[in-house]
C-alpha atoms as a PDB file:
ATOM      1  CA  MET A   1      19.287 -61.521 -23.655  1.00  0.00           C
ATOM      2  CA  HIS A   2      17.491 -58.581 -23.798  1.00  0.00           C
ATOM      3  CA  GLU A   3      20.566 -56.691 -24.029  1.00  0.00           C
ATOM      4  CA  PHE A   4      20.517 -57.801 -27.831  1.00  0.00           C
ATOM      5  CA  SER A   5      17.055 -56.431 -28.242  1.00  0.00           C
ATOM      6  CA  ILE A   6      18.140 -53.301 -26.470  1.00  0.00           C
ATOM      7  CA  THR A   7      21.225 -52.861 -28.644  1.00  0.00           C
ATOM      8  CA  ASN A   8      19.458 -53.478 -32.084  1.00  0.00           C
ATOM      9  CA  SER A   9      16.615 -50.681 -30.571  1.00  0.00           C
ATOM     10  CA  ILE A  10      19.659 -48.358 -29.927  1.00  0.00           C
ATOM     11  CA  LEU A  11      21.240 -49.032 -33.370  1.00  0.00           C
ATOM     12  CA  SER A  12      17.550 -48.450 -34.993  1.00  0.00           C
ATOM     13  CA  ILE A  13      17.544 -45.065 -33.183  1.00  0.00           C
ATOM     14  CA  LEU A  14      20.900 -44.078 -34.510  1.00  0.00           C
ATOM     15  CA  GLY A  15      20.484 -45.453 -38.090  1.00  0.00           C
ATOM     16  CA  LYS A  16      17.439 -43.055 -38.329  1.00  0.00           C
ATOM     17  CA  ILE A  17      19.473 -40.116 -36.955  1.00  0.00           C
ATOM     18  CA  ALA A  18      22.371 -41.391 -39.192  1.00  0.00           C
ATOM     19  CA  ASP A  19      19.721 -41.009 -42.361  1.00  0.00           C
ATOM     20  CA  ASP A  20      18.154 -37.703 -41.461  1.00  0.00           C
ATOM     21  CA  ARG A  21      21.423 -35.947 -40.766  1.00  0.00           C
ATOM     22  CA  LYS A  22      23.290 -37.865 -43.809  1.00  0.00           C
ATOM     23  CA  LEU A  23      25.949 -39.293 -41.076  1.00  0.00           C
ATOM     24  CA  LYS A  24      28.669 -40.774 -42.773  1.00  0.00           C
ATOM     25  CA  ARG A  25      30.084 -42.523 -39.829  1.00  0.00           C
ATOM     26  CA  ILE A  26      29.516 -42.229 -35.748  1.00  0.00           C
ATOM     27  CA  LYS A  27      32.668 -42.394 -33.511  1.00  0.00           C
ATOM     28  CA  LYS A  28      31.524 -42.495 -30.206  1.00  0.00           C
ATOM     29  CA  ILE A  29      28.138 -43.102 -28.286  1.00  0.00           C
ATOM     30  CA  ARG A  30      27.580 -42.089 -24.755  1.00  0.00           C
ATOM     31  CA  LEU A  31      25.236 -44.074 -22.732  1.00  0.00           C
ATOM     32  CA  ILE A  32      23.454 -43.430 -19.536  1.00  0.00           C
ATOM     33  CA  LEU A  33      22.476 -46.544 -17.595  1.00  0.00           C
ATOM     34  CA  ASN A  34      19.896 -46.761 -14.739  1.00  0.00           C
ATOM     35  CA  PRO A  35      21.410 -48.693 -11.831  1.00  0.00           C
ATOM     36  CA  MET A  36      18.234 -50.091 -11.139  1.00  0.00           C
ATOM     37  CA  GLY A  37      17.797 -51.462 -14.800  1.00  0.00           C
ATOM     38  CA  GLY A  38      20.040 -54.338 -14.980  1.00  0.00           C
ATOM     39  CA  ILE A  39      21.461 -53.529 -18.003  1.00  0.00           C
ATOM     40  CA  GLU A  40      25.168 -55.540 -18.467  1.00  0.00           C
ATOM     41  CA  LYS A  41      27.257 -53.113 -20.132  1.00  0.00           C
ATOM     42  CA  GLU A  42      29.851 -55.617 -21.346  1.00  0.00           C
ATOM     43  CA  SER A  43      26.799 -57.694 -23.037  1.00  0.00           C
ATOM     44  CA  LEU A  44      25.823 -54.119 -24.838  1.00  0.00           C
ATOM     45  CA  LYS A  45      29.693 -54.110 -25.855  1.00  0.00           C
ATOM     46  CA  PHE A  46      29.354 -57.729 -27.286  1.00  0.00           C
ATOM     47  CA  TYR A  47      26.076 -57.362 -29.050  1.00  0.00           C
ATOM     48  CA  PHE A  48      27.022 -54.123 -30.601  1.00  0.00           C
ATOM     49  CA  LYS A  49      30.475 -55.113 -31.891  1.00  0.00           C
ATOM     50  CA  PHE A  50      28.650 -58.048 -33.201  1.00  0.00           C
ATOM     51  CA  LEU A  51      25.631 -56.571 -34.631  1.00  0.00           C
ATOM     52  CA  THR A  52      27.981 -53.617 -36.305  1.00  0.00           C
ATOM     53  CA  LYS A  53      30.933 -55.515 -37.629  1.00  0.00           C
ATOM     54  CA  ASP A  54      29.906 -54.862 -41.193  1.00  0.00           C
ATOM     55  CA  ASN A  55      28.501 -51.437 -40.777  1.00  0.00           C
ATOM     56  CA  PRO A  56      30.665 -48.715 -42.122  1.00  0.00           C
ATOM     57  CA  LEU A  57      28.754 -46.223 -39.876  1.00  0.00           C
ATOM     58  CA  PHE A  58      29.877 -47.775 -36.608  1.00  0.00           C
ATOM     59  CA  LYS A  59      33.534 -48.674 -37.990  1.00  0.00           C
ATOM     60  CA  ASP A  60      35.853 -48.187 -34.744  1.00  0.00           C
ATOM     61  CA  CYS A  61      32.780 -46.741 -32.804  1.00  0.00           C
ATOM     62  CA  ARG A  62      33.162 -46.738 -29.350  1.00  0.00           C
ATOM     63  CA  LEU A  63      30.639 -47.206 -26.327  1.00  0.00           C
ATOM     64  CA  VAL A  64      30.828 -44.639 -23.164  1.00  0.00           C
ATOM     65  CA  PHE A  65      28.831 -45.388 -20.562  1.00  0.00           C
ATOM     66  CA  LYS A  66      27.862 -43.113 -17.588  1.00  0.00           C
ATOM     67  CA  LYS A  67      25.574 -44.301 -14.408  1.00  0.00           C
ATOM     68  CA  ASP A  68      22.576 -42.242 -13.943  1.00  0.00           C
ATOM     69  CA  ILE A  69      21.918 -40.332 -10.664  1.00  0.00           C
ATOM     70  CA  LEU A  70      18.940 -42.069  -8.980  1.00  0.00           C
ATOM     71  CA  ARG A  71      15.946 -39.458  -7.822  1.00  0.00           C
ATOM     72  CA  ALA A  72      13.627 -39.944  -5.025  1.00  0.00           C
ATOM     73  CA  VAL A  73      10.657 -38.089  -3.676  1.00  0.00           C
ATOM     74  CA  CYS A  74       9.098 -37.770  -0.375  1.00  0.00           C
ATOM     75  CA  THR A  75       5.817 -38.858  -0.016  1.00  0.00           C
ATOM     76  CA  ASP A  76       5.321 -36.592   3.202  1.00  0.00           C
ATOM     77  CA  CYS A  77       6.585 -33.403   1.787  1.00  0.00           C
ATOM     78  CA  GLY A  78       7.013 -33.681  -2.106  1.00  0.00           C
ATOM     79  CA  ALA A  79      10.681 -32.749  -1.925  1.00  0.00           C
ATOM     80  CA  GLU A  80      13.039 -34.570  -4.879  1.00  0.00           C
ATOM     81  CA  PHE A  81      16.392 -35.237  -4.122  1.00  0.00           C
ATOM     82  CA  GLU A  82      19.301 -37.382  -5.355  1.00  0.00           C
ATOM     83  CA  ILE A  83      19.966 -40.917  -3.388  1.00  0.00           C
ATOM     84  CA  SER A  84      22.151 -43.617  -3.543  1.00  0.00           C
ATOM     85  CA  LEU A  85      21.106 -47.343  -3.732  1.00  0.00           C
ATOM     86  CA  LYS A  86      23.229 -48.411  -0.857  1.00  0.00           C
ATOM     87  CA  ARG A  87      22.005 -45.909   1.612  1.00  0.00           C
ATOM     88  CA  PRO A  88      18.594 -44.376  -0.019  1.00  0.00           C
ATOM     89  CA  GLY A  89      18.302 -42.670   3.639  1.00  0.00           C
ATOM     90  CA  ASN A  90      16.086 -40.106   4.800  1.00  0.00           C
ATOM     91  CA  CYS A  91      14.282 -36.985   2.959  1.00  0.00           C
ATOM     92  CA  LYS A  92      16.624 -34.659   2.422  1.00  0.00           C
ATOM     93  CA  SER A  93      13.984 -31.620   3.324  1.00  0.00           C
ATOM     94  CA  CYS A  94      11.779 -33.158   6.218  1.00  0.00           C
ATOM     95  CA  ASN A  95      13.659 -36.387   7.280  1.00  0.00           C
ATOM     96  CA  SER A  96      11.033 -38.325   6.393  1.00  0.00           C
ATOM     97  CA  ARG A  97      11.566 -42.078   5.704  1.00  0.00           C
ATOM     98  CA  ASN A  98       8.682 -41.962   3.448  1.00  0.00           C
ATOM     99  CA  ILE A  99      10.419 -42.168   0.088  1.00  0.00           C
ATOM    100  CA  LYS A 100       9.929 -43.299  -3.120  1.00  0.00           C
ATOM    101  CA  ILE A 101      12.427 -43.994  -6.062  1.00  0.00           C
ATOM    102  CA  ILE A 102      11.185 -41.814  -8.940  1.00  0.00           C
ATOM    103  CA  PRO A 103      11.266 -44.203 -12.043  1.00  0.00           C
ATOM    104  CA  ALA A 104      13.835 -43.608 -14.982  1.00  0.00           C
ATOM    105  CA  ASP A 105      14.417 -45.376 -18.271  1.00  0.00           C
ATOM    106  CA  ASP A 106      17.098 -48.618 -18.094  1.00  0.00           C
ATOM    107  CA  ILE A 107      18.875 -46.720 -20.744  1.00  0.00           C
ATOM    108  CA  ARG A 108      19.291 -43.591 -22.888  1.00  0.00           C
ATOM    109  CA  ILE A 109      21.189 -42.045 -25.514  1.00  0.00           C
ATOM    110  CA  LEU A 110      23.332 -39.072 -24.400  1.00  0.00           C
ATOM    111  CA  SER A 111      25.033 -37.782 -27.215  1.00  0.00           C
ATOM    112  CA  ILE A 112      26.890 -39.306 -30.242  1.00  0.00           C
ATOM    113  CA  ASP A 113      30.411 -38.128 -31.635  1.00  0.00           C
ATOM    114  CA  VAL A 114      30.821 -38.069 -35.737  1.00  0.00           C
END
């Protein structure tokens, strides 16, 4: 259910951008999802379609999703590197197992096409 409020927030942000830039239509929205965020893209699509059905700014607008890259930091040497959820592994610099995932936003607007 939190996808409903997330979708509302996205629409609010985009509405402000459209007002500021005097946009008549947004054709495509690219979003980045944190793989650990637990946001269901199908739910976002559903709520987006529901909330924008009568809004000409979003007529025929498409949502495009990209998964974010997880990053970690080694608590021993301080190196930062990309990791996979399936196989976090060791530090790429010193091979330590003492790594910590760097927190990231659950969802971000990457770009819009007008």
